PDB file of N, CA and C in Angstrom:
ATOM      1  N   UNK A   1      54.674 181.621 137.672  1.00  0.00           N
ATOM      2  CA  UNK A   1      55.020 180.840 136.911  1.00  0.00           C
ATOM      3  C   UNK A   1      55.726 180.025 137.856  1.00  0.00           C
ATOM      4  N   UNK A   2      57.164 180.565 137.246  1.00  0.00           N
ATOM      5  CA  UNK A   2      58.241 180.147 137.583  1.00  0.00           C
ATOM      6  C   UNK A   2      58.757 179.748 138.894  1.00  0.00           C
ATOM      7  N   UNK A   3      57.875 180.879 139.950  1.00  0.00           N
ATOM      8  CA  UNK A   3      57.666 180.014 141.400  1.00  0.00           C
ATOM      9  C   UNK A   3      57.439 179.095 141.683  1.00  0.00           C
ATOM     10  N   UNK A   4      56.389 178.860 140.800  1.00  0.00           N
ATOM     11  CA  UNK A   4      55.107 177.070 140.984  1.00  0.00           C
ATOM     12  C   UNK A   4      56.161 176.173 141.254  1.00  0.00           C
ATOM     13  N   UNK A   5      57.447 176.634 140.477  1.00  0.00           N
ATOM     14  CA  UNK A   5      58.323 175.560 140.372  1.00  0.00           C
ATOM     15  C   UNK A   5      59.120 175.462 140.811  1.00  0.00           C
ATOM     16  N   UNK A   6      59.062 176.099 141.821  1.00  0.00           N
ATOM     17  CA  UNK A   6      60.649 176.458 142.806  1.00  0.00           C
ATOM     18  C   UNK A   6      61.568 177.048 142.230  1.00  0.00           C
ATOM     19  N   UNK A   7      61.754 177.845 141.023  1.00  0.00           N
ATOM     20  CA  UNK A   7      63.047 178.199 140.420  1.00  0.00           C
ATOM     21  C   UNK A   7      62.871 179.852 140.610  1.00  0.00           C
ATOM     22  N   UNK A   8      62.241 180.360 141.743  1.00  0.00           N
ATOM     23  CA  UNK A   8      62.299 181.508 140.763  1.00  0.00           C
ATOM     24  C   UNK A   8      62.463 181.813 142.406  1.00  0.00           C
ATOM     25  N   UNK A   9      62.927 180.891 143.576  1.00  0.00           N
ATOM     26  CA  UNK A   9      63.103 181.209 145.152  1.00  0.00           C
ATOM     27  C   UNK A   9      64.576 180.553 145.140  1.00  0.00           C
ATOM     28  N   UNK A  10      65.618 181.955 146.102  1.00  0.00           N
ATOM     29  CA  UNK A  10      66.691 181.985 146.221  1.00  0.00           C
ATOM     30  C   UNK A  10      66.886 181.095 147.218  1.00  0.00           C
ATOM     31  N   UNK A  11      67.094 179.654 147.079  1.00  0.00           N
ATOM     32  CA  UNK A  11      67.067 178.911 148.637  1.00  0.00           C
ATOM     33  C   UNK A  11      68.467 179.331 149.465  1.00  0.00           C
ATOM     34  N   UNK A  12      68.919 178.740 150.444  1.00  0.00           N
ATOM     35  CA  UNK A  12      69.733 178.833 150.954  1.00  0.00           C
ATOM     36  C   UNK A  12      70.504 177.125 151.228  1.00  0.00           C
ATOM     37  N   UNK A  13      71.479 177.652 151.210  1.00  0.00           N
ATOM     38  CA  UNK A  13      72.138 175.785 150.456  1.00  0.00           C
ATOM     39  C   UNK A  13      72.698 175.505 151.808  1.00  0.00           C
ATOM     40  N   UNK A  14      72.653 176.102 152.330  1.00  0.00           N
ATOM     41  CA  UNK A  14      73.024 175.410 154.152  1.00  0.00           C
ATOM     42  C   UNK A  14      72.384 175.332 155.098  1.00  0.00           C
ATOM     43  N   UNK A  15      70.652 175.502 155.413  1.00  0.00           N
ATOM     44  CA  UNK A  15      69.308 175.505 155.471  1.00  0.00           C
ATOM     45  C   UNK A  15      69.486 174.313 154.739  1.00  0.00           C
ATOM     46  N   UNK A  16      68.760 174.085 153.565  1.00  0.00           N
ATOM     47  CA  UNK A  16      68.543 173.163 152.989  1.00  0.00           C
ATOM     48  C   UNK A  16      68.935 171.430 152.960  1.00  0.00           C
ATOM     49  N   UNK A  17      70.826 171.962 153.287  1.00  0.00           N
ATOM     50  CA  UNK A  17      71.998 170.500 153.363  1.00  0.00           C
ATOM     51  C   UNK A  17      71.069 170.151 155.124  1.00  0.00           C
ATOM     52  N   UNK A  18      70.832 170.901 155.600  1.00  0.00           N
ATOM     53  CA  UNK A  18      70.827 170.880 156.635  1.00  0.00           C
ATOM     54  C   UNK A  18      69.100 170.301 156.972  1.00  0.00           C
ATOM     55  N   UNK A  19      68.183 170.429 156.410  1.00  0.00           N
ATOM     56  CA  UNK A  19      67.209 170.057 156.603  1.00  0.00           C
ATOM     57  C   UNK A  19      67.341 168.669 155.839  1.00  0.00           C
ATOM     58  N   UNK A  20      67.971 169.110 154.823  1.00  0.00           N
ATOM     59  CA  UNK A  20      67.634 166.795 153.617  1.00  0.00           C
ATOM     60  C   UNK A  20      69.206 165.974 155.460  1.00  0.00           C
ATOM     61  N   UNK A  21      69.690 167.109 155.515  1.00  0.00           N
ATOM     62  CA  UNK A  21      69.653 165.758 156.601  1.00  0.00           C
ATOM     63  C   UNK A  21      69.231 165.176 158.131  1.00  0.00           C
ATOM     64  N   UNK A  22      68.394 166.447 158.646  1.00  0.00           N
ATOM     65  CA  UNK A  22      67.432 165.588 159.506  1.00  0.00           C
ATOM     66  C   UNK A  22      65.848 164.500 159.080  1.00  0.00           C
ATOM     67  N   UNK A  23      66.009 164.457 157.594  1.00  0.00           N
ATOM     68  CA  UNK A  23      64.796 163.883 156.987  1.00  0.00           C
ATOM     69  C   UNK A  23      65.472 162.948 156.371  1.00  0.00           C
ATOM     70  N   UNK A  24      66.842 162.559 156.548  1.00  0.00           N
ATOM     71  CA  UNK A  24      67.764 161.423 156.584  1.00  0.00           C
ATOM     72  C   UNK A  24      67.603 160.640 158.110  1.00  0.00           C
ATOM     73  N   UNK A  25      68.224 161.650 158.874  1.00  0.00           N
ATOM     74  CA  UNK A  25      68.481 160.795 160.185  1.00  0.00           C
ATOM     75  C   UNK A  25      67.128 160.390 160.742  1.00  0.00           C
ATOM     76  N   UNK A  26      65.630 160.675 160.369  1.00  0.00           N
ATOM     77  CA  UNK A  26      64.612 160.861 160.814  1.00  0.00           C
ATOM     78  C   UNK A  26      64.055 159.470 160.424  1.00  0.00           C
ATOM     79  N   UNK A  27      64.673 159.137 159.277  1.00  0.00           N
ATOM     80  CA  UNK A  27      64.107 157.836 158.160  1.00  0.00           C
ATOM     81  C   UNK A  27      64.459 156.875 158.563  1.00  0.00           C
ATOM     82  N   UNK A  28      65.939 157.393 159.168  1.00  0.00           N
ATOM     83  CA  UNK A  28      66.799 156.075 159.718  1.00  0.00           C
ATOM     84  C   UNK A  28      66.847 155.409 161.179  1.00  0.00           C
ATOM     85  N   UNK A  29      65.583 156.558 161.620  1.00  0.00           N
ATOM     86  CA  UNK A  29      65.141 156.325 163.088  1.00  0.00           C
ATOM     87  C   UNK A  29      66.724 156.724 163.971  1.00  0.00           C
ATOM     88  N   UNK A  30      67.655 157.477 163.250  1.00  0.00           N
ATOM     89  CA  UNK A  30      68.256 158.271 164.198  1.00  0.00           C
ATOM     90  C   UNK A  30      67.817 159.868 164.920  1.00  0.00           C
ATOM     91  N   UNK A  31      67.177 159.233 165.703  1.00  0.00           N
ATOM     92  CA  UNK A  31      66.507 160.197 166.168  1.00  0.00           C
ATOM     93  C   UNK A  31      67.783 161.506 166.945  1.00  0.00           C
ATOM     94  N   UNK A  32      68.774 160.886 167.741  1.00  0.00           N
ATOM     95  CA  UNK A  32      69.922 161.846 168.104  1.00  0.00           C
ATOM     96  C   UNK A  32      70.678 162.881 167.576  1.00  0.00           C
ATOM     97  N   UNK A  33      70.801 162.158 166.738  1.00  0.00           N
ATOM     98  CA  UNK A  33      71.117 163.146 165.227  1.00  0.00           C
ATOM     99  C   UNK A  33      70.387 164.201 164.887  1.00  0.00           C
ATOM    100  N   UNK A  34      69.305 163.438 164.804  1.00  0.00           N
ATOM    101  CA  UNK A  34      68.274 164.348 164.201  1.00  0.00           C
ATOM    102  C   UNK A  34      67.832 165.780 165.034  1.00  0.00           C
ATOM    103  N   UNK A  35      67.951 165.217 166.836  1.00  0.00           N
ATOM    104  CA  UNK A  35      67.579 166.675 167.594  1.00  0.00           C
ATOM    105  C   UNK A  35      68.812 167.787 167.398  1.00  0.00           C
ATOM    106  N   UNK A  36      69.810 167.248 167.315  1.00  0.00           N
ATOM    107  CA  UNK A  36      71.364 168.039 166.860  1.00  0.00           C
ATOM    108  C   UNK A  36      71.083 169.026 165.480  1.00  0.00           C
ATOM    109  N   UNK A  37      70.348 168.528 164.785  1.00  0.00           N
ATOM    110  CA  UNK A  37      70.684 169.257 163.548  1.00  0.00           C
ATOM    111  C   UNK A  37      69.871 169.858 163.668  1.00  0.00           C
ATOM    112  N   UNK A  38      68.326 169.656 164.671  1.00  0.00           N
ATOM    113  CA  UNK A  38      67.109 170.482 164.325  1.00  0.00           C
ATOM    114  C   UNK A  38      68.237 171.740 165.005  1.00  0.00           C
ATOM    115  N   UNK A  39      68.513 171.298 166.310  1.00  0.00           N
ATOM    116  CA  UNK A  39      69.123 172.703 166.865  1.00  0.00           C
ATOM    117  C   UNK A  39      69.816 173.789 165.818  1.00  0.00           C
ATOM    118  N   UNK A  40      71.355 172.838 165.164  1.00  0.00           N
ATOM    119  CA  UNK A  40      71.709 173.548 164.211  1.00  0.00           C
ATOM    120  C   UNK A  40      71.080 174.117 163.405  1.00  0.00           C
ATOM    121  N   UNK A  41      69.127 173.731 163.026  1.00  0.00           N
ATOM    122  CA  UNK A  41      68.968 175.062 162.206  1.00  0.00           C
ATOM    123  C   UNK A  41      67.980 175.638 162.628  1.00  0.00           C
ATOM    124  N   UNK A  42      67.719 175.684 164.121  1.00  0.00           N
ATOM    125  CA  UNK A  42      66.837 176.148 164.824  1.00  0.00           C
ATOM    126  C   UNK A  42      68.231 177.808 164.579  1.00  0.00           C
ATOM    127  N   UNK A  43      69.094 177.545 164.662  1.00  0.00           N
ATOM    128  CA  UNK A  43      70.446 178.762 165.535  1.00  0.00           C
ATOM    129  C   UNK A  43      70.435 179.703 163.845  1.00  0.00           C
ATOM    130  N   UNK A  44      71.030 178.876 163.130  1.00  0.00           N
ATOM    131  CA  UNK A  44      70.879 179.659 161.796  1.00  0.00           C
ATOM    132  C   UNK A  44      69.946 180.077 161.231  1.00  0.00           C
ATOM    133  N   UNK A  45      68.059 179.708 161.683  1.00  0.00           N
ATOM    134  CA  UNK A  45      67.625 180.492 161.257  1.00  0.00           C
ATOM    135  C   UNK A  45      67.455 181.421 161.698  1.00  0.00           C
ATOM    136  N   UNK A  46      67.738 181.508 163.203  1.00  0.00           N
ATOM    137  CA  UNK A  46      67.566 182.751 163.847  1.00  0.00           C
ATOM    138  C   UNK A  46      69.097 183.662 163.511  1.00  0.00           C
ATOM    139  N   UNK A  47      70.230 183.332 162.511  1.00  0.00           N
ATOM    140  CA  UNK A  47      71.192 184.202 162.282  1.00  0.00           C
ATOM    141  C   UNK A  47      70.783 184.886 160.773  1.00  0.00           C
ATOM    142  N   UNK A  48      69.992 184.057 159.931  1.00  0.00           N
ATOM    143  CA  UNK A  48      70.061 184.510 159.141  1.00  0.00           C
ATOM    144  C   UNK A  48      68.350 185.651 158.912  1.00  0.00           C
ATOM    145  N   UNK A  49      67.664 185.223 160.006  1.00  0.00           N
ATOM    146  CA  UNK A  49      66.684 186.691 160.538  1.00  0.00           C
ATOM    147  C   UNK A  49      67.453 187.556 161.177  1.00  0.00           C
ATOM    148  N   UNK A  50      67.800 187.383 162.327  1.00  0.00           N
ATOM    149  CA  UNK A  50      68.341 188.879 162.108  1.00  0.00           C
ATOM    150  C   UNK A  50      69.487 189.578 161.240  1.00  0.00           C
ATOM    151  N   UNK A  51      69.535 188.783 159.928  1.00  0.00           N
ATOM    152  CA  UNK A  51      70.629 189.602 159.290  1.00  0.00           C
ATOM    153  C   UNK A  51      70.076 190.123 157.882  1.00  0.00           C
ATOM    154  N   UNK A  52      68.780 189.483 157.945  1.00  0.00           N
ATOM    155  CA  UNK A  52      67.560 189.845 156.710  1.00  0.00           C
ATOM    156  C   UNK A  52      67.716 188.835 155.631  1.00  0.00           C
ATOM    157  N   UNK A  53      68.778 188.070 155.740  1.00  0.00           N
ATOM    158  CA  UNK A  53      68.986 187.398 154.352  1.00  0.00           C
ATOM    159  C   UNK A  53      68.019 186.713 153.276  1.00  0.00           C
ATOM    160  N   UNK A  54      67.008 186.071 154.195  1.00  0.00           N
ATOM    161  CA  UNK A  54      65.615 185.433 153.327  1.00  0.00           C
ATOM    162  C   UNK A  54      64.860 186.574 153.452  1.00  0.00           C
ATOM    163  N   UNK A  55      64.141 186.123 152.154  1.00  0.00           N
ATOM    164  CA  UNK A  55      62.726 186.706 151.532  1.00  0.00           C
ATOM    165  C   UNK A  55      61.659 186.319 152.939  1.00  0.00           C
ATOM    166  N   UNK A  56      60.816 187.309 153.823  1.00  0.00           N
ATOM    167  CA  UNK A  56      59.856 186.610 155.126  1.00  0.00           C
ATOM    168  C   UNK A  56      58.773 185.153 154.061  1.00  0.00           C
ATOM    169  N   UNK A  57      59.252 185.357 153.078  1.00  0.00           N
ATOM    170  CA  UNK A  57      57.672 183.975 152.921  1.00  0.00           C
ATOM    171  C   UNK A  57      58.945 183.045 152.872  1.00  0.00           C
ATOM    172  N   UNK A  58      60.188 183.163 152.229  1.00  0.00           N
ATOM    173  CA  UNK A  58      61.272 181.888 152.443  1.00  0.00           C
ATOM    174  C   UNK A  58      61.412 181.380 153.383  1.00  0.00           C
ATOM    175  N   UNK A  59      61.671 183.022 154.774  1.00  0.00           N
ATOM    176  CA  UNK A  59      61.469 182.127 156.472  1.00  0.00           C
ATOM    177  C   UNK A  59      60.683 181.740 156.934  1.00  0.00           C
ATOM    178  N   UNK A  60      59.374 181.881 156.383  1.00  0.00           N
ATOM    179  CA  UNK A  60      58.215 180.803 157.093  1.00  0.00           C
ATOM    180  C   UNK A  60      58.471 179.599 156.612  1.00  0.00           C
ATOM    181  N   UNK A  61      58.821 179.704 155.545  1.00  0.00           N
ATOM    182  CA  UNK A  61      58.901 178.047 154.710  1.00  0.00           C
ATOM    183  C   UNK A  61      59.714 177.286 155.575  1.00  0.00           C
ATOM    184  N   UNK A  62      61.132 178.121 155.880  1.00  0.00           N
ATOM    185  CA  UNK A  62      61.719 177.293 156.659  1.00  0.00           C
ATOM    186  C   UNK A  62      61.870 177.340 158.084  1.00  0.00           C
ATOM    187  N   UNK A  63      60.680 178.542 158.973  1.00  0.00           N
ATOM    188  CA  UNK A  63      59.807 178.102 160.361  1.00  0.00           C
ATOM    189  C   UNK A  63      59.354 176.654 159.854  1.00  0.00           C
ATOM    190  N   UNK A  64      58.239 176.731 159.448  1.00  0.00           N
ATOM    191  CA  UNK A  64      57.556 175.921 159.524  1.00  0.00           C
ATOM    192  C   UNK A  64      58.024 174.997 159.259  1.00  0.00           C
ATOM    193  N   UNK A  65      59.112 174.498 158.448  1.00  0.00           N
ATOM    194  CA  UNK A  65      59.760 172.863 158.523  1.00  0.00           C
ATOM    195  C   UNK A  65      60.187 172.512 159.640  1.00  0.00           C
ATOM    196  N   UNK A  66      60.728 173.901 160.527  1.00  0.00           N
ATOM    197  CA  UNK A  66      61.769 173.650 161.476  1.00  0.00           C
ATOM    198  C   UNK A  66      60.457 172.975 162.657  1.00  0.00           C
ATOM    199  N   UNK A  67      59.535 173.802 162.711  1.00  0.00           N
ATOM    200  CA  UNK A  67      58.209 173.180 163.391  1.00  0.00           C
ATOM    201  C   UNK A  67      57.604 172.035 163.646  1.00  0.00           C
ATOM    202  N   UNK A  68      57.778 171.620 162.603  1.00  0.00           N
ATOM    203  CA  UNK A  68      57.132 169.976 161.679  1.00  0.00           C
ATOM    204  C   UNK A  68      58.437 169.425 162.341  1.00  0.00           C
ATOM    205  N   UNK A  69      59.743 169.903 161.813  1.00  0.00           N
ATOM    206  CA  UNK A  69      60.825 168.916 162.734  1.00  0.00           C
ATOM    207  C   UNK A  69      61.109 168.865 163.843  1.00  0.00           C
ATOM    208  N   UNK A  70      60.466 169.141 165.412  1.00  0.00           N
ATOM    209  CA  UNK A  70      60.573 169.631 166.169  1.00  0.00           C
ATOM    210  C   UNK A  70      58.916 168.810 166.968  1.00  0.00           C
ATOM    211  N   UNK A  71      58.408 168.565 166.358  1.00  0.00           N
ATOM    212  CA  UNK A  71      56.609 168.146 166.241  1.00  0.00           C
ATOM    213  C   UNK A  71      57.300 166.802 166.432  1.00  0.00           C
ATOM    214  N   UNK A  72      57.750 166.122 165.435  1.00  0.00           N
ATOM    215  CA  UNK A  72      58.305 165.262 164.958  1.00  0.00           C
ATOM    216  C   UNK A  72      59.529 164.134 165.977  1.00  0.00           C
ATOM    217  N   UNK A  73      60.132 165.190 166.608  1.00  0.00           N
ATOM    218  CA  UNK A  73      61.193 164.350 168.006  1.00  0.00           C
ATOM    219  C   UNK A  73      60.588 164.860 169.324  1.00  0.00           C
ATOM    220  N   UNK A  74      59.344 165.809 169.512  1.00  0.00           N
ATOM    221  CA  UNK A  74      58.663 166.085 170.820  1.00  0.00           C
ATOM    222  C   UNK A  74      58.871 165.030 171.483  1.00  0.00           C
ATOM    223  N   UNK A  75      58.082 163.851 171.310  1.00  0.00           N
ATOM    224  CA  UNK A  75      58.077 162.568 172.284  1.00  0.00           C
ATOM    225  C   UNK A  75      58.768 161.442 172.195  1.00  0.00           C
ATOM    226  N   UNK A  76      60.146 162.397 171.607  1.00  0.00           N
ATOM    227  CA  UNK A  76      61.509 161.391 172.001  1.00  0.00           C
ATOM    228  C   UNK A  76      62.054 161.115 172.795  1.00  0.00           C
ATOM    229  N   UNK A  77      62.148 160.288 173.404  1.00  0.00           N
ATOM    230  CA  UNK A  77      62.820 159.558 174.717  1.00  0.00           C
ATOM    231  C   UNK A  77      64.234 158.716 174.497  1.00  0.00           C
ATOM    232  N   UNK A  78      65.222 158.904 175.578  1.00  0.00           N
ATOM    233  CA  UNK A  78      66.535 158.311 174.701  1.00  0.00           C
ATOM    234  C   UNK A  78      66.433 156.965 175.907  1.00  0.00           C
ATOM    235  N   UNK A  79      66.836 155.832 174.959  1.00  0.00           N
ATOM    236  CA  UNK A  79      66.142 154.329 175.943  1.00  0.00           C
ATOM    237  C   UNK A  79      67.962 153.886 176.458  1.00  0.00           C
ATOM    238  N   UNK A  80      68.998 155.083 176.071  1.00  0.00           N
ATOM    239  CA  UNK A  80      69.796 154.205 177.376  1.00  0.00           C
ATOM    240  C   UNK A  80      70.292 155.531 178.577  1.00  0.00           C
TER     241      UNK A  80
END
């Protein structure tokens, strides 16, 4: 029951900060910044995956979030 509300999961603060920044970037239509932060998120997830720092179900949650962001910016084209 505790995990149902997110209290039992040991989240990664650095990953969560990048995710929050991507959400802000996308909501403000700062797509270039969002693309750069998505790259940072992917790199950090790869590092966390290699060192086994996260439980598999939490890693899956972060990967799904990353995939959602990548889908959001897939059709992005620069206008300059």
